[in-house]
Amino acid sequence: MSCPFCMLPVEKIVYSNEFSLMFYDSYPVTKYHTLIIPRRHVADYFELTNEEVDAMQELLYRQKERLLQLDKTITGFNIGINVGKDAGQSIFHVHMHLIPRREGDMKEPKGGVRGVIPEKQKY
């Protein structure tokens, strides 16, 4: 089985550290949609080591600040990790999504990540 994240070309990497790396999503939800992954091939977020979780968090915060400097239209973010097929995971290498949001990019954004089950988003 081949993993597209394990075979990621080095030129796609935006930044990395000892345990993780980040790159732009090939199918972005919004401009600058970023993925953060552990270097080690592991499918389930709950199997990550503390060092891997910390390394991913470091890149998450670094990219958030970088994007706010790069694009002044960004007014919020969605952050998410799908764990398992039934949760929507389609590449079985842990990956965290950092999705920049902008005012007006959705008519009614209330509920945010609750939109994974559309009829539950509005409350």
PDB file of N, CA and C in Angstrom:
ATOM      1  N   MET A   1       0.843  -1.187   0.000  1.00  0.00           N
ATOM      2  CA  MET A   1       0.000   0.000   0.000  1.00  0.00           C
ATOM      3  C   MET A   1       0.884   1.245   0.000  1.00  0.00           C
ATOM      4  N   SER A   2       0.575   2.176  -0.867  1.00  0.00           N
ATOM      5  CA  SER A   2       1.364   3.403  -0.923  1.00  0.00           C
ATOM      6  C   SER A   2       0.596   4.543  -0.256  1.00  0.00           C
ATOM      7  N   CYS A   3       1.320   5.352   0.466  1.00  0.00           N
ATOM      8  CA  CYS A   3       0.727   6.480   1.172  1.00  0.00           C
ATOM      9  C   CYS A   3       1.175   7.769   0.482  1.00  0.00           C
ATOM     10  N   PRO A   4       0.227   8.581  -0.003  1.00  0.00           N
ATOM     11  CA  PRO A   4       0.622   9.820  -0.677  1.00  0.00           C
ATOM     12  C   PRO A   4       1.378  10.791   0.240  1.00  0.00           C
ATOM     13  N   PHE A   5       1.125  10.732   1.540  1.00  0.00           N
ATOM     14  CA  PHE A   5       1.822  11.627   2.454  1.00  0.00           C
ATOM     15  C   PHE A   5       3.254  11.152   2.713  1.00  0.00           C
ATOM     16  N   CYS A   6       3.452   9.846   2.739  1.00  0.00           N
ATOM     17  CA  CYS A   6       4.807   9.320   2.925  1.00  0.00           C
ATOM     18  C   CYS A   6       5.664   9.548   1.685  1.00  0.00           C
ATOM     19  N   MET A   7       5.008   9.709   0.535  1.00  0.00           N
ATOM     20  CA  MET A   7       5.720   9.919  -0.733  1.00  0.00           C
ATOM     21  C   MET A   7       5.653  11.386  -1.174  1.00  0.00           C
ATOM     22  N   LEU A   8       5.323  12.290  -0.273  1.00  0.00           N
ATOM     23  CA  LEU A   8       5.180  13.708  -0.590  1.00  0.00           C
ATOM     24  C   LEU A   8       6.500  14.278  -1.108  1.00  0.00           C
ATOM     25  N   PRO A   9       6.477  14.910  -2.278  1.00  0.00           N
ATOM     26  CA  PRO A   9       7.703  15.533  -2.789  1.00  0.00           C
ATOM     27  C   PRO A   9       8.182  16.636  -1.845  1.00  0.00           C
ATOM     28  N   VAL A  10       9.460  16.696  -1.613  1.00  0.00           N
ATOM     29  CA  VAL A  10      10.038  17.645  -0.665  1.00  0.00           C
ATOM     30  C   VAL A  10       9.695  19.093  -1.023  1.00  0.00           C
ATOM     31  N   GLU A  11       9.530  19.399  -2.300  1.00  0.00           N
ATOM     32  CA  GLU A  11       9.229  20.780  -2.691  1.00  0.00           C
ATOM     33  C   GLU A  11       7.835  21.234  -2.261  1.00  0.00           C
ATOM     34  N   LYS A  12       6.976  20.313  -1.880  1.00  0.00           N
ATOM     35  CA  LYS A  12       5.629  20.673  -1.409  1.00  0.00           C
ATOM     36  C   LYS A  12       5.612  21.051   0.074  1.00  0.00           C
ATOM     37  N   ILE A  13       6.651  20.694   0.793  1.00  0.00           N
ATOM     38  CA  ILE A  13       6.705  20.954   2.234  1.00  0.00           C
ATOM     39  C   ILE A  13       6.913  22.443   2.487  1.00  0.00           C
ATOM     40  N   VAL A  14       5.991  23.036   3.266  1.00  0.00           N
ATOM     41  CA  VAL A  14       6.068  24.453   3.618  1.00  0.00           C
ATOM     42  C   VAL A  14       7.022  24.645   4.793  1.00  0.00           C
ATOM     43  N   TYR A  15       6.932  23.764   5.776  1.00  0.00           N
ATOM     44  CA  TYR A  15       7.794  23.826   6.948  1.00  0.00           C
ATOM     45  C   TYR A  15       7.766  22.464   7.630  1.00  0.00           C
ATOM     46  N   SER A  16       8.815  22.186   8.385  1.00  0.00           N
ATOM     47  CA  SER A  16       8.863  20.915   9.109  1.00  0.00           C
ATOM     48  C   SER A  16       9.662  21.088  10.387  1.00  0.00           C
ATOM     49  N   ASN A  17       9.513  20.106  11.255  1.00  0.00           N
ATOM     50  CA  ASN A  17      10.335  20.014  12.455  1.00  0.00           C
ATOM     51  C   ASN A  17      10.716  18.551  12.624  1.00  0.00           C
ATOM     52  N   GLU A  18      11.249  18.187  13.756  1.00  0.00           N
ATOM     53  CA  GLU A  18      11.766  16.833  13.943  1.00  0.00           C
ATOM     54  C   GLU A  18      10.711  15.738  13.747  1.00  0.00           C
ATOM     55  N   PHE A  19       9.470  15.987  14.178  1.00  0.00           N
ATOM     56  CA  PHE A  19       8.457  14.940  14.159  1.00  0.00           C
ATOM     57  C   PHE A  19       7.286  15.174  13.210  1.00  0.00           C
ATOM     58  N   SER A  20       7.219  16.339  12.557  1.00  0.00           N
ATOM     59  CA  SER A  20       6.061  16.606  11.709  1.00  0.00           C
ATOM     60  C   SER A  20       6.430  17.542  10.561  1.00  0.00           C
ATOM     61  N   LEU A  21       5.495  17.655   9.627  1.00  0.00           N
ATOM     62  CA  LEU A  21       5.680  18.569   8.512  1.00  0.00           C
ATOM     63  C   LEU A  21       4.338  19.102   8.060  1.00  0.00           C
ATOM     64  N   MET A  22       4.372  20.193   7.302  1.00  0.00           N
ATOM     65  CA  MET A  22       3.122  20.780   6.820  1.00  0.00           C
ATOM     66  C   MET A  22       3.256  21.163   5.353  1.00  0.00           C
ATOM     67  N   PHE A  23       2.095  21.144   4.690  1.00  0.00           N
ATOM     68  CA  PHE A  23       2.034  21.445   3.268  1.00  0.00           C
ATOM     69  C   PHE A  23       0.609  21.865   2.939  1.00  0.00           C
ATOM     70  N   TYR A  24       0.432  22.481   1.773  1.00  0.00           N
ATOM     71  CA  TYR A  24      -0.905  22.910   1.373  1.00  0.00           C
ATOM     72  C   TYR A  24      -1.702  21.736   0.828  1.00  0.00           C
ATOM     73  N   ASP A  25      -2.985  21.705   1.165  1.00  0.00           N
ATOM     74  CA  ASP A  25      -3.891  20.654   0.718  1.00  0.00           C
ATOM     75  C   ASP A  25      -4.021  20.701  -0.808  1.00  0.00           C
ATOM     76  N   SER A  26      -3.995  19.545  -1.445  1.00  0.00           N
ATOM     77  CA  SER A  26      -4.137  19.465  -2.908  1.00  0.00           C
ATOM     78  C   SER A  26      -5.563  19.759  -3.361  1.00  0.00           C
ATOM     79  N   TYR A  27      -6.523  19.621  -2.457  1.00  0.00           N
ATOM     80  CA  TYR A  27      -7.935  19.883  -2.748  1.00  0.00           C
ATOM     81  C   TYR A  27      -8.474  20.840  -1.688  1.00  0.00           C
ATOM     82  N   PRO A  28      -7.993  22.094  -1.702  1.00  0.00           N
ATOM     83  CA  PRO A  28      -8.302  23.017  -0.610  1.00  0.00           C
ATOM     84  C   PRO A  28      -9.775  23.418  -0.518  1.00  0.00           C
ATOM     85  N   VAL A  29     -10.236  23.528   0.715  1.00  0.00           N
ATOM     86  CA  VAL A  29     -11.578  24.043   0.998  1.00  0.00           C
ATOM     87  C   VAL A  29     -11.572  25.560   0.823  1.00  0.00           C
ATOM     88  N   THR A  30     -10.497  26.203   1.273  1.00  0.00           N
ATOM     89  CA  THR A  30     -10.295  27.635   1.097  1.00  0.00           C
ATOM     90  C   THR A  30      -8.825  27.861   0.742  1.00  0.00           C
ATOM     91  N   LYS A  31      -8.516  29.072   0.290  1.00  0.00           N
ATOM     92  CA  LYS A  31      -7.131  29.412  -0.025  1.00  0.00           C
ATOM     93  C   LYS A  31      -6.263  29.265   1.222  1.00  0.00           C
ATOM     94  N   TYR A  32      -5.109  28.632   1.072  1.00  0.00           N
ATOM     95  CA  TYR A  32      -4.125  28.381   2.123  1.00  0.00           C
ATOM     96  C   TYR A  32      -4.515  27.250   3.080  1.00  0.00           C
ATOM     97  N   HIS A  33      -5.491  26.430   2.704  1.00  0.00           N
ATOM     98  CA  HIS A  33      -5.841  25.231   3.479  1.00  0.00           C
ATOM     99  C   HIS A  33      -4.564  24.396   3.625  1.00  0.00           C
ATOM    100  N   THR A  34      -4.170  24.160   4.854  1.00  0.00           N
ATOM    101  CA  THR A  34      -2.903  23.509   5.163  1.00  0.00           C
ATOM    102  C   THR A  34      -3.132  22.177   5.861  1.00  0.00           C
ATOM    103  N   LEU A  35      -2.271  21.208   5.565  1.00  0.00           N
ATOM    104  CA  LEU A  35      -2.284  19.925   6.270  1.00  0.00           C
ATOM    105  C   LEU A  35      -1.005  19.804   7.078  1.00  0.00           C
ATOM    106  N   ILE A  36      -1.146  19.255   8.286  1.00  0.00           N
ATOM    107  CA  ILE A  36      -0.014  19.025   9.173  1.00  0.00           C
ATOM    108  C   ILE A  36      -0.029  17.544   9.516  1.00  0.00           C
ATOM    109  N   ILE A  37       1.105  16.874   9.295  1.00  0.00           N
ATOM    110  CA  ILE A  37       1.164  15.419   9.501  1.00  0.00           C
ATOM    111  C   ILE A  37       2.381  15.038  10.336  1.00  0.00           C
ATOM    112  N   PRO A  38       2.305  13.881  11.004  1.00  0.00           N
ATOM    113  CA  PRO A  38       3.516  13.368  11.642  1.00  0.00           C
ATOM    114  C   PRO A  38       4.407  12.761  10.555  1.00  0.00           C
ATOM    115  N   ARG A  39       5.706  12.782  10.775  1.00  0.00           N
ATOM    116  CA  ARG A  39       6.624  12.144   9.826  1.00  0.00           C
ATOM    117  C   ARG A  39       6.418  10.631   9.811  1.00  0.00           C
ATOM    118  N   ARG A  40       6.147  10.073  10.960  1.00  0.00           N
ATOM    119  CA  ARG A  40       5.936   8.630  11.064  1.00  0.00           C
ATOM    120  C   ARG A  40       4.584   8.276  10.460  1.00  0.00           C
ATOM    121  N   HIS A  41       4.537   7.191   9.711  1.00  0.00           N
ATOM    122  CA  HIS A  41       3.262   6.741   9.147  1.00  0.00           C
ATOM    123  C   HIS A  41       2.443   6.076  10.250  1.00  0.00           C
ATOM    124  N   VAL A  42       1.357   6.722  10.610  1.00  0.00           N
ATOM    125  CA  VAL A  42       0.418   6.196  11.602  1.00  0.00           C
ATOM    126  C   VAL A  42      -0.960   6.698  11.199  1.00  0.00           C
ATOM    127  N   ALA A  43      -1.951   5.817  11.244  1.00  0.00           N
ATOM    128  CA  ALA A  43      -3.286   6.162  10.761  1.00  0.00           C
ATOM    129  C   ALA A  43      -4.127   6.895  11.794  1.00  0.00           C
ATOM    130  N   ASP A  44      -4.010   6.531  13.046  1.00  0.00           N
ATOM    131  CA  ASP A  44      -4.925   6.980  14.092  1.00  0.00           C
ATOM    132  C   ASP A  44      -4.276   8.056  14.968  1.00  0.00           C
ATOM    133  N   TYR A  45      -4.914   9.219  15.042  1.00  0.00           N
ATOM    134  CA  TYR A  45      -4.413  10.317  15.868  1.00  0.00           C
ATOM    135  C   TYR A  45      -4.134   9.858  17.303  1.00  0.00           C
ATOM    136  N   PHE A  46      -4.960   8.975  17.821  1.00  0.00           N
ATOM    137  CA  PHE A  46      -4.834   8.548  19.216  1.00  0.00           C
ATOM    138  C   PHE A  46      -3.660   7.596  19.440  1.00  0.00           C
ATOM    139  N   GLU A  47      -2.934   7.268  18.380  1.00  0.00           N
ATOM    140  CA  GLU A  47      -1.730   6.447  18.495  1.00  0.00           C
ATOM    141  C   GLU A  47      -0.448   7.285  18.386  1.00  0.00           C
ATOM    142  N   LEU A  48      -0.601   8.599  18.271  1.00  0.00           N
ATOM    143  CA  LEU A  48       0.567   9.475  18.203  1.00  0.00           C
ATOM    144  C   LEU A  48       1.263   9.547  19.555  1.00  0.00           C
ATOM    145  N   THR A  49       2.558   9.762  19.525  1.00  0.00           N
ATOM    146  CA  THR A  49       3.305   9.998  20.764  1.00  0.00           C
ATOM    147  C   THR A  49       3.080  11.448  21.193  1.00  0.00           C
ATOM    148  N   ASN A  50       3.400  11.744  22.433  1.00  0.00           N
ATOM    149  CA  ASN A  50       3.297  13.120  22.918  1.00  0.00           C
ATOM    150  C   ASN A  50       4.197  14.053  22.102  1.00  0.00           C
ATOM    151  N   GLU A  51       5.381  13.560  21.717  1.00  0.00           N
ATOM    152  CA  GLU A  51       6.299  14.372  20.924  1.00  0.00           C
ATOM    153  C   GLU A  51       5.691  14.709  19.565  1.00  0.00           C
ATOM    154  N   GLU A  52       5.002  13.753  18.955  1.00  0.00           N
ATOM    155  CA  GLU A  52       4.377  13.995  17.661  1.00  0.00           C
ATOM    156  C   GLU A  52       3.226  15.002  17.778  1.00  0.00           C
ATOM    157  N   VAL A  53       2.414  14.848  18.811  1.00  0.00           N
ATOM    158  CA  VAL A  53       1.307  15.783  19.025  1.00  0.00           C
ATOM    159  C   VAL A  53       1.865  17.195  19.240  1.00  0.00           C
ATOM    160  N   ASP A  54       2.873  17.314  20.085  1.00  0.00           N
ATOM    161  CA  ASP A  54       3.475  18.623  20.349  1.00  0.00           C
ATOM    162  C   ASP A  54       4.078  19.225  19.081  1.00  0.00           C
ATOM    163  N   ALA A  55       4.723  18.404  18.282  1.00  0.00           N
ATOM    164  CA  ALA A  55       5.345  18.882  17.040  1.00  0.00           C
ATOM    165  C   ALA A  55       4.281  19.376  16.058  1.00  0.00           C
ATOM    166  N   MET A  56       3.172  18.653  15.972  1.00  0.00           N
ATOM    167  CA  MET A  56       2.088  19.084  15.086  1.00  0.00           C
ATOM    168  C   MET A  56       1.484  20.395  15.581  1.00  0.00           C
ATOM    169  N   GLN A  57       1.311  20.512  16.883  1.00  0.00           N
ATOM    170  CA  GLN A  57       0.781  21.750  17.463  1.00  0.00           C
ATOM    171  C   GLN A  57       1.703  22.931  17.179  1.00  0.00           C
ATOM    172  N   GLU A  58       3.002  22.698  17.274  1.00  0.00           N
ATOM    173  CA  GLU A  58       3.965  23.755  16.990  1.00  0.00           C
ATOM    174  C   GLU A  58       3.777  24.277  15.568  1.00  0.00           C
ATOM    175  N   LEU A  59       3.628  23.365  14.604  1.00  0.00           N
ATOM    176  CA  LEU A  59       3.437  23.786  13.213  1.00  0.00           C
ATOM    177  C   LEU A  59       2.081  24.445  13.011  1.00  0.00           C
ATOM    178  N   LEU A  60       1.059  23.969  13.712  1.00  0.00           N
ATOM    179  CA  LEU A  60      -0.275  24.571  13.629  1.00  0.00           C
ATOM    180  C   LEU A  60      -0.203  26.052  14.014  1.00  0.00           C
ATOM    181  N   TYR A  61       0.391  26.348  15.155  1.00  0.00           N
ATOM    182  CA  TYR A  61       0.490  27.729  15.622  1.00  0.00           C
ATOM    183  C   TYR A  61       1.385  28.569  14.712  1.00  0.00           C
ATOM    184  N   ARG A  62       2.465  27.977  14.258  1.00  0.00           N
ATOM    185  CA  ARG A  62       3.379  28.683  13.356  1.00  0.00           C
ATOM    186  C   ARG A  62       2.653  29.081  12.067  1.00  0.00           C
ATOM    187  N   GLN A  63       1.902  28.130  11.486  1.00  0.00           N
ATOM    188  CA  GLN A  63       1.207  28.413  10.233  1.00  0.00           C
ATOM    189  C   GLN A  63       0.067  29.404  10.436  1.00  0.00           C
ATOM    190  N   LYS A  64      -0.637  29.302  11.550  1.00  0.00           N
ATOM    191  CA  LYS A  64      -1.709  30.270  11.845  1.00  0.00           C
ATOM    192  C   LYS A  64      -1.155  31.683  11.820  1.00  0.00           C
ATOM    193  N   GLU A  65      -0.054  31.923  12.507  1.00  0.00           N
ATOM    194  CA  GLU A  65       0.554  33.257  12.543  1.00  0.00           C
ATOM    195  C   GLU A  65       1.050  33.669  11.162  1.00  0.00           C
ATOM    196  N   ARG A  66       1.651  32.739  10.449  1.00  0.00           N
ATOM    197  CA  ARG A  66       2.158  33.020   9.106  1.00  0.00           C
ATOM    198  C   ARG A  66       1.020  33.434   8.171  1.00  0.00           C
ATOM    199  N   LEU A  67      -0.088  32.701   8.236  1.00  0.00           N
ATOM    200  CA  LEU A  67      -1.216  33.001   7.355  1.00  0.00           C
ATOM    201  C   LEU A  67      -1.868  34.338   7.691  1.00  0.00           C
ATOM    202  N   LEU A  68      -1.949  34.663   8.970  1.00  0.00           N
ATOM    203  CA  LEU A  68      -2.519  35.961   9.355  1.00  0.00           C
ATOM    204  C   LEU A  68      -1.673  37.121   8.826  1.00  0.00           C
ATOM    205  N   GLN A  69      -0.370  36.921   8.746  1.00  0.00           N
ATOM    206  CA  GLN A  69       0.510  37.942   8.177  1.00  0.00           C
ATOM    207  C   GLN A  69       0.398  37.985   6.649  1.00  0.00           C
ATOM    208  N   LEU A  70       0.247  36.827   6.050  1.00  0.00           N
ATOM    209  CA  LEU A  70       0.208  36.693   4.596  1.00  0.00           C
ATOM    210  C   LEU A  70      -1.098  37.186   3.984  1.00  0.00           C
ATOM    211  N   ASP A  71      -2.214  36.964   4.683  1.00  0.00           N
ATOM    212  CA  ASP A  71      -3.536  37.254   4.118  1.00  0.00           C
ATOM    213  C   ASP A  71      -4.396  37.958   5.158  1.00  0.00           C
ATOM    214  N   LYS A  72      -4.526  39.247   5.014  1.00  0.00           N
ATOM    215  CA  LYS A  72      -5.277  40.055   5.988  1.00  0.00           C
ATOM    216  C   LYS A  72      -6.781  39.834   5.908  1.00  0.00           C
ATOM    217  N   THR A  73      -7.269  39.066   4.920  1.00  0.00           N
ATOM    218  CA  THR A  73      -8.707  38.787   4.836  1.00  0.00           C
ATOM    219  C   THR A  73      -9.124  37.629   5.738  1.00  0.00           C
ATOM    220  N   ILE A  74      -8.161  36.895   6.296  1.00  0.00           N
ATOM    221  CA  ILE A  74      -8.476  35.765   7.175  1.00  0.00           C
ATOM    222  C   ILE A  74      -8.990  36.298   8.511  1.00  0.00           C
ATOM    223  N   THR A  75     -10.177  35.819   8.911  1.00  0.00           N
ATOM    224  CA  THR A  75     -10.793  36.281  10.163  1.00  0.00           C
ATOM    225  C   THR A  75     -11.076  35.138  11.136  1.00  0.00           C
ATOM    226  N   GLY A  76     -10.767  33.904  10.738  1.00  0.00           N
ATOM    227  CA  GLY A  76     -11.002  32.749  11.596  1.00  0.00           C
ATOM    228  C   GLY A  76     -10.385  31.504  10.990  1.00  0.00           C
ATOM    229  N   PHE A  77     -10.496  30.402  11.726  1.00  0.00           N
ATOM    230  CA  PHE A  77      -9.944  29.122  11.272  1.00  0.00           C
ATOM    231  C   PHE A  77     -10.842  27.981  11.719  1.00  0.00           C
ATOM    232  N   ASN A  78     -10.868  26.922  10.925  1.00  0.00           N
ATOM    233  CA  ASN A  78     -11.379  25.630  11.368  1.00  0.00           C
ATOM    234  C   ASN A  78     -10.171  24.709  11.454  1.00  0.00           C
ATOM    235  N   ILE A  79     -10.123  23.903  12.509  1.00  0.00           N
ATOM    236  CA  ILE A  79      -9.050  22.943  12.715  1.00  0.00           C
ATOM    237  C   ILE A  79      -9.717  21.597  12.902  1.00  0.00           C
ATOM    238  N   GLY A  80      -9.246  20.586  12.180  1.00  0.00           N
ATOM    239  CA  GLY A  80      -9.904  19.293  12.317  1.00  0.00           C
ATOM    240  C   GLY A  80      -9.025  18.123  11.968  1.00  0.00           C
ATOM    241  N   ILE A  81      -9.361  16.982  12.579  1.00  0.00           N
ATOM    242  CA  ILE A  81      -8.702  15.712  12.304  1.00  0.00           C
ATOM    243  C   ILE A  81      -9.784  14.658  12.197  1.00  0.00           C
ATOM    244  N   ASN A  82      -9.818  13.947  11.086  1.00  0.00           N
ATOM    245  CA  ASN A  82     -10.751  12.839  10.915  1.00  0.00           C
ATOM    246  C   ASN A  82     -10.051  11.563  11.358  1.00  0.00           C
ATOM    247  N   VAL A  83     -10.699  10.796  12.218  1.00  0.00           N
ATOM    248  CA  VAL A  83     -10.112   9.555  12.725  1.00  0.00           C
ATOM    249  C   VAL A  83     -11.039   8.407  12.363  1.00  0.00           C
ATOM    250  N   GLY A  84     -10.650   7.628  11.383  1.00  0.00           N
ATOM    251  CA  GLY A  84     -11.434   6.471  10.963  1.00  0.00           C
ATOM    252  C   GLY A  84     -12.320   6.749   9.759  1.00  0.00           C
ATOM    253  N   LYS A  85     -12.590   5.696   9.024  1.00  0.00           N
ATOM    254  CA  LYS A  85     -13.406   5.786   7.813  1.00  0.00           C
ATOM    255  C   LYS A  85     -14.767   6.416   8.082  1.00  0.00           C
ATOM    256  N   ASP A  86     -15.427   6.024   9.164  1.00  0.00           N
ATOM    257  CA  ASP A  86     -16.772   6.540   9.455  1.00  0.00           C
ATOM    258  C   ASP A  86     -16.774   8.012   9.861  1.00  0.00           C
ATOM    259  N   ALA A  87     -15.605   8.533  10.184  1.00  0.00           N
ATOM    260  CA  ALA A  87     -15.483   9.963  10.492  1.00  0.00           C
ATOM    261  C   ALA A  87     -15.023  10.747   9.270  1.00  0.00           C
ATOM    262  N   GLY A  88     -14.860  10.059   8.145  1.00  0.00           N
ATOM    263  CA  GLY A  88     -14.484  10.731   6.909  1.00  0.00           C
ATOM    264  C   GLY A  88     -13.021  10.648   6.541  1.00  0.00           C
ATOM    265  N   GLN A  89     -12.229   9.925   7.320  1.00  0.00           N
ATOM    266  CA  GLN A  89     -10.803   9.818   6.977  1.00  0.00           C
ATOM    267  C   GLN A  89     -10.661   9.039   5.677  1.00  0.00           C
ATOM    268  N   SER A  90      -9.949   9.611   4.716  1.00  0.00           N
ATOM    269  CA  SER A  90      -9.775   8.952   3.426  1.00  0.00           C
ATOM    270  C   SER A  90      -8.319   8.600   3.136  1.00  0.00           C
ATOM    271  N   ILE A  91      -7.385   9.272   3.793  1.00  0.00           N
ATOM    272  CA  ILE A  91      -5.968   8.912   3.719  1.00  0.00           C
ATOM    273  C   ILE A  91      -5.578   8.492   5.127  1.00  0.00           C
ATOM    274  N   PHE A  92      -5.132   7.267   5.255  1.00  0.00           N
ATOM    275  CA  PHE A  92      -4.906   6.706   6.578  1.00  0.00           C
ATOM    276  C   PHE A  92      -3.473   6.935   7.063  1.00  0.00           C
ATOM    277  N   HIS A  93      -3.151   8.212   7.077  1.00  0.00           N
ATOM    278  CA  HIS A  93      -1.948   8.769   7.692  1.00  0.00           C
ATOM    279  C   HIS A  93      -2.492  10.003   8.398  1.00  0.00           C
ATOM    280  N   VAL A  94      -2.302  10.100   9.700  1.00  0.00           N
ATOM    281  CA  VAL A  94      -2.862  11.219  10.464  1.00  0.00           C
ATOM    282  C   VAL A  94      -2.575  12.536   9.753  1.00  0.00           C
ATOM    283  N   HIS A  95      -3.610  13.361   9.647  1.00  0.00           N
ATOM    284  CA  HIS A  95      -3.416  14.699   9.102  1.00  0.00           C
ATOM    285  C   HIS A  95      -4.407  15.666   9.733  1.00  0.00           C
ATOM    286  N   MET A  96      -3.865  16.802  10.143  1.00  0.00           N
ATOM    287  CA  MET A  96      -4.641  17.868  10.763  1.00  0.00           C
ATOM    288  C   MET A  96      -4.881  18.949   9.709  1.00  0.00           C
ATOM    289  N   HIS A  97      -6.130  19.360   9.590  1.00  0.00           N
ATOM    290  CA  HIS A  97      -6.490  20.421   8.653  1.00  0.00           C
ATOM    291  C   HIS A  97      -6.492  21.766   9.376  1.00  0.00           C
ATOM    292  N   LEU A  98      -5.862  22.754   8.773  1.00  0.00           N
ATOM    293  CA  LEU A  98      -5.960  24.137   9.211  1.00  0.00           C
ATOM    294  C   LEU A  98      -6.609  24.870   8.044  1.00  0.00           C
ATOM    295  N   ILE A  99      -7.873  25.261   8.228  1.00  0.00           N
ATOM    296  CA  ILE A  99      -8.648  25.860   7.147  1.00  0.00           C
ATOM    297  C   ILE A  99      -8.937  27.322   7.478  1.00  0.00           C
ATOM    298  N   PRO A 100      -8.294  28.237   6.761  1.00  0.00           N
ATOM    299  CA  PRO A 100      -8.556  29.657   6.994  1.00  0.00           C
ATOM    300  C   PRO A 100      -9.982  30.012   6.577  1.00  0.00           C
ATOM    301  N   ARG A 101     -10.589  30.895   7.347  1.00  0.00           N
ATOM    302  CA  ARG A 101     -11.945  31.358   7.043  1.00  0.00           C
ATOM    303  C   ARG A 101     -11.932  32.867   6.890  1.00  0.00           C
ATOM    304  N   ARG A 102     -12.877  33.337   6.083  1.00  0.00           N
ATOM    305  CA  ARG A 102     -12.984  34.757   5.806  1.00  0.00           C
ATOM    306  C   ARG A 102     -14.437  35.193   5.955  1.00  0.00           C
ATOM    307  N   GLU A 103     -14.622  36.409   6.378  1.00  0.00           N
ATOM    308  CA  GLU A 103     -15.975  36.941   6.513  1.00  0.00           C
ATOM    309  C   GLU A 103     -16.707  36.791   5.180  1.00  0.00           C
ATOM    310  N   GLY A 104     -17.912  36.222   5.238  1.00  0.00           N
ATOM    311  CA  GLY A 104     -18.732  36.073   4.052  1.00  0.00           C
ATOM    312  C   GLY A 104     -18.431  34.856   3.195  1.00  0.00           C
ATOM    313  N   ASP A 105     -17.489  33.981   3.613  1.00  0.00           N
ATOM    314  CA  ASP A 105     -17.185  32.815   2.786  1.00  0.00           C
ATOM    315  C   ASP A 105     -18.302  31.763   2.835  1.00  0.00           C
ATOM    316  N   MET A 106     -19.198  31.899   3.793  1.00  0.00           N
ATOM    317  CA  MET A 106     -20.391  31.070   3.926  1.00  0.00           C
ATOM    318  C   MET A 106     -21.514  31.962   4.396  1.00  0.00           C
ATOM    319  N   LYS A 107     -22.699  31.719   3.921  1.00  0.00           N
ATOM    320  CA  LYS A 107     -23.830  32.553   4.311  1.00  0.00           C
ATOM    321  C   LYS A 107     -24.048  32.528   5.823  1.00  0.00           C
ATOM    322  N   GLU A 108     -24.077  31.340   6.405  1.00  0.00           N
ATOM    323  CA  GLU A 108     -24.281  31.198   7.851  1.00  0.00           C
ATOM    324  C   GLU A 108     -23.259  30.210   8.418  1.00  0.00           C
ATOM    325  N   PRO A 109     -22.105  30.699   8.876  1.00  0.00           N
ATOM    326  CA  PRO A 109     -21.071  29.793   9.368  1.00  0.00           C
ATOM    327  C   PRO A 109     -21.314  29.223  10.771  1.00  0.00           C
ATOM    328  N   LYS A 110     -22.334  29.700  11.485  1.00  0.00           N
ATOM    329  CA  LYS A 110     -22.573  29.235  12.852  1.00  0.00           C
ATOM    330  C   LYS A 110     -22.645  27.714  12.888  1.00  0.00           C
ATOM    331  N   GLY A 111     -21.959  27.135  13.836  1.00  0.00           N
ATOM    332  CA  GLY A 111     -21.937  25.681  13.978  1.00  0.00           C
ATOM    333  C   GLY A 111     -20.644  25.070  13.481  1.00  0.00           C
ATOM    334  N   GLY A 112     -19.917  25.791  12.616  1.00  0.00           N
ATOM    335  CA  GLY A 112     -18.584  25.381  12.168  1.00  0.00           C
ATOM    336  C   GLY A 112     -18.424  23.897  11.918  1.00  0.00           C
ATOM    337  N   VAL A 113     -17.583  23.248  12.713  1.00  0.00           N
ATOM    338  CA  VAL A 113     -17.265  21.835  12.493  1.00  0.00           C
ATOM    339  C   VAL A 113     -18.457  20.914  12.718  1.00  0.00           C
ATOM    340  N   ARG A 114     -19.504  21.423  13.343  1.00  0.00           N
ATOM    341  CA  ARG A 114     -20.723  20.617  13.479  1.00  0.00           C
ATOM    342  C   ARG A 114     -21.305  20.278  12.108  1.00  0.00           C
ATOM    343  N   GLY A 115     -20.867  21.006  11.075  1.00  0.00           N
ATOM    344  CA  GLY A 115     -21.333  20.778   9.723  1.00  0.00           C
ATOM    345  C   GLY A 115     -20.912  19.451   9.128  1.00  0.00           C
ATOM    346  N   VAL A 116     -20.089  18.677   9.846  1.00  0.00           N
ATOM    347  CA  VAL A 116     -19.743  17.347   9.340  1.00  0.00           C
ATOM    348  C   VAL A 116     -20.994  16.477   9.236  1.00  0.00           C
ATOM    349  N   ILE A 117     -22.010  16.805  10.019  1.00  0.00           N
ATOM    350  CA  ILE A 117     -23.345  16.208   9.875  1.00  0.00           C
ATOM    351  C   ILE A 117     -24.257  17.408   9.639  1.00  0.00           C
ATOM    352  N   PRO A 118     -24.496  17.723   8.344  1.00  0.00           N
ATOM    353  CA  PRO A 118     -25.140  18.993   7.984  1.00  0.00           C
ATOM    354  C   PRO A 118     -26.414  19.324   8.756  1.00  0.00           C
ATOM    355  N   GLU A 119     -27.279  18.368   9.007  1.00  0.00           N
ATOM    356  CA  GLU A 119     -28.530  18.684   9.706  1.00  0.00           C
ATOM    357  C   GLU A 119     -28.321  19.007  11.190  1.00  0.00           C
ATOM    358  N   LYS A 120     -27.100  18.777  11.696  1.00  0.00           N
ATOM    359  CA  LYS A 120     -26.774  19.098  13.092  1.00  0.00           C
ATOM    360  C   LYS A 120     -26.018  20.417  13.231  1.00  0.00           C
ATOM    361  N   GLN A 121     -25.658  21.049  12.101  1.00  0.00           N
ATOM    362  CA  GLN A 121     -24.856  22.260  12.175  1.00  0.00           C
ATOM    363  C   GLN A 121     -25.604  23.417  12.815  1.00  0.00           C
ATOM    364  N   LYS A 122     -26.856  23.578  12.461  1.00  0.00           N
ATOM    365  CA  LYS A 122     -27.636  24.692  12.977  1.00  0.00           C
ATOM    366  C   LYS A 122     -28.335  24.285  14.275  1.00  0.00           C
ATOM    367  N   TYR A 123     -28.216  25.118  15.263  1.00  0.00           N
ATOM    368  CA  TYR A 123     -28.859  24.851  16.546  1.00  0.00           C
ATOM    369  C   TYR A 123     -29.379  26.124  17.146  1.00  0.00           C
TER     370      TYR A 123
END
